[in-house]
Amino acid sequence: MLAMAVSIRAGRSNVLAEVMVQRAGCDASLLLASISTIALAVFWFYVPETKTVLRSAAVQP
């Protein structure tokens, strides 16, 4: 059931991206990709759950 939901979502994402390129042009798609890349970088560097913890700092007696 989960695999079916993931595959439907992936297919729908590709269709929506194609529709956006056809209607708004490549510039809008590039802008959206840039925004999502910046959001990924913000989450990667500033959200504590995504930071790598050193083993020596994590294990304390």
Protein backbone atom coordinates (compact mmCIF):
# COMPACT_ATOMS: atom_id res chain seq x y z
CA MET A 1 0.00 0.00 0.00
CA LEU A 2 2.81 2.40 0.88
CA ALA A 3 4.73 1.57 -2.29
CA MET A 4 1.64 2.29 -4.35
CA ALA A 5 1.18 5.68 -2.68
CA VAL A 6 4.83 6.57 -3.25
CA SER A 7 4.70 5.57 -6.91
CA ILE A 8 1.50 7.56 -7.51
CA ARG A 9 3.06 10.61 -5.87
CA ALA A 10 6.23 10.28 -7.97
CA GLY A 11 4.24 10.04 -11.18
CA ARG A 12 2.06 12.99 -10.27
CA SER A 13 5.13 15.06 -9.44
CA ASN A 14 6.59 14.48 -12.91
CA VAL A 15 3.32 15.37 -14.61
CA LEU A 16 2.94 18.57 -12.58
CA ALA A 17 6.53 19.59 -13.36
CA GLU A 18 5.91 19.09 -17.08
CA VAL A 19 2.71 21.12 -16.96
CA MET A 20 4.52 23.91 -15.14
CA VAL A 21 7.29 24.01 -17.76
CA GLN A 22 4.75 24.11 -20.58
CA ARG A 23 2.63 26.87 -19.05
CA ALA A 24 5.11 29.05 -17.17
CA GLY A 25 8.34 28.29 -19.00
CA CYS A 26 11.71 27.01 -17.96
CA ASP A 27 12.50 30.11 -15.88
CA ALA A 28 9.72 29.34 -13.40
CA SER A 29 10.89 25.75 -13.10
CA LEU A 30 14.46 26.88 -12.49
CA LEU A 31 13.23 29.30 -9.82
CA LEU A 32 11.28 26.54 -8.08
CA ALA A 33 14.30 24.21 -8.20
CA SER A 34 16.49 26.96 -6.72
CA ILE A 35 14.05 27.60 -3.89
CA SER A 36 13.85 23.91 -3.05
CA THR A 37 17.66 23.61 -3.08
CA ILE A 38 17.96 26.54 -0.67
CA ALA A 39 15.32 24.96 1.59
CA LEU A 40 17.24 21.68 1.59
CA ALA A 41 20.45 23.48 2.55
CA VAL A 42 18.71 25.34 5.39
CA PHE A 43 17.30 22.12 6.81
CA TRP A 44 20.62 20.29 6.35
CA PHE A 45 22.70 22.87 8.21
CA TYR A 46 20.31 24.40 10.76
CA VAL A 47 17.87 21.70 11.87
CA PRO A 48 19.41 19.71 14.76
CA GLU A 49 17.86 16.39 13.72
CA THR A 50 19.81 16.38 10.45
CA LYS A 51 23.21 17.12 11.98
CA THR A 52 25.77 14.36 12.33
CA VAL A 53 26.72 13.62 15.92
CA LEU A 54 30.27 12.59 16.68
CA ARG A 55 30.51 9.29 18.53
CA SER A 56 33.01 10.61 21.07
CA ALA A 57 30.67 13.44 22.01
CA ALA A 58 27.59 11.19 22.07
CA VAL A 59 29.03 8.52 24.36
CA GLN A 60 29.70 9.92 27.78
CA PRO A 61 30.12 7.85 30.95
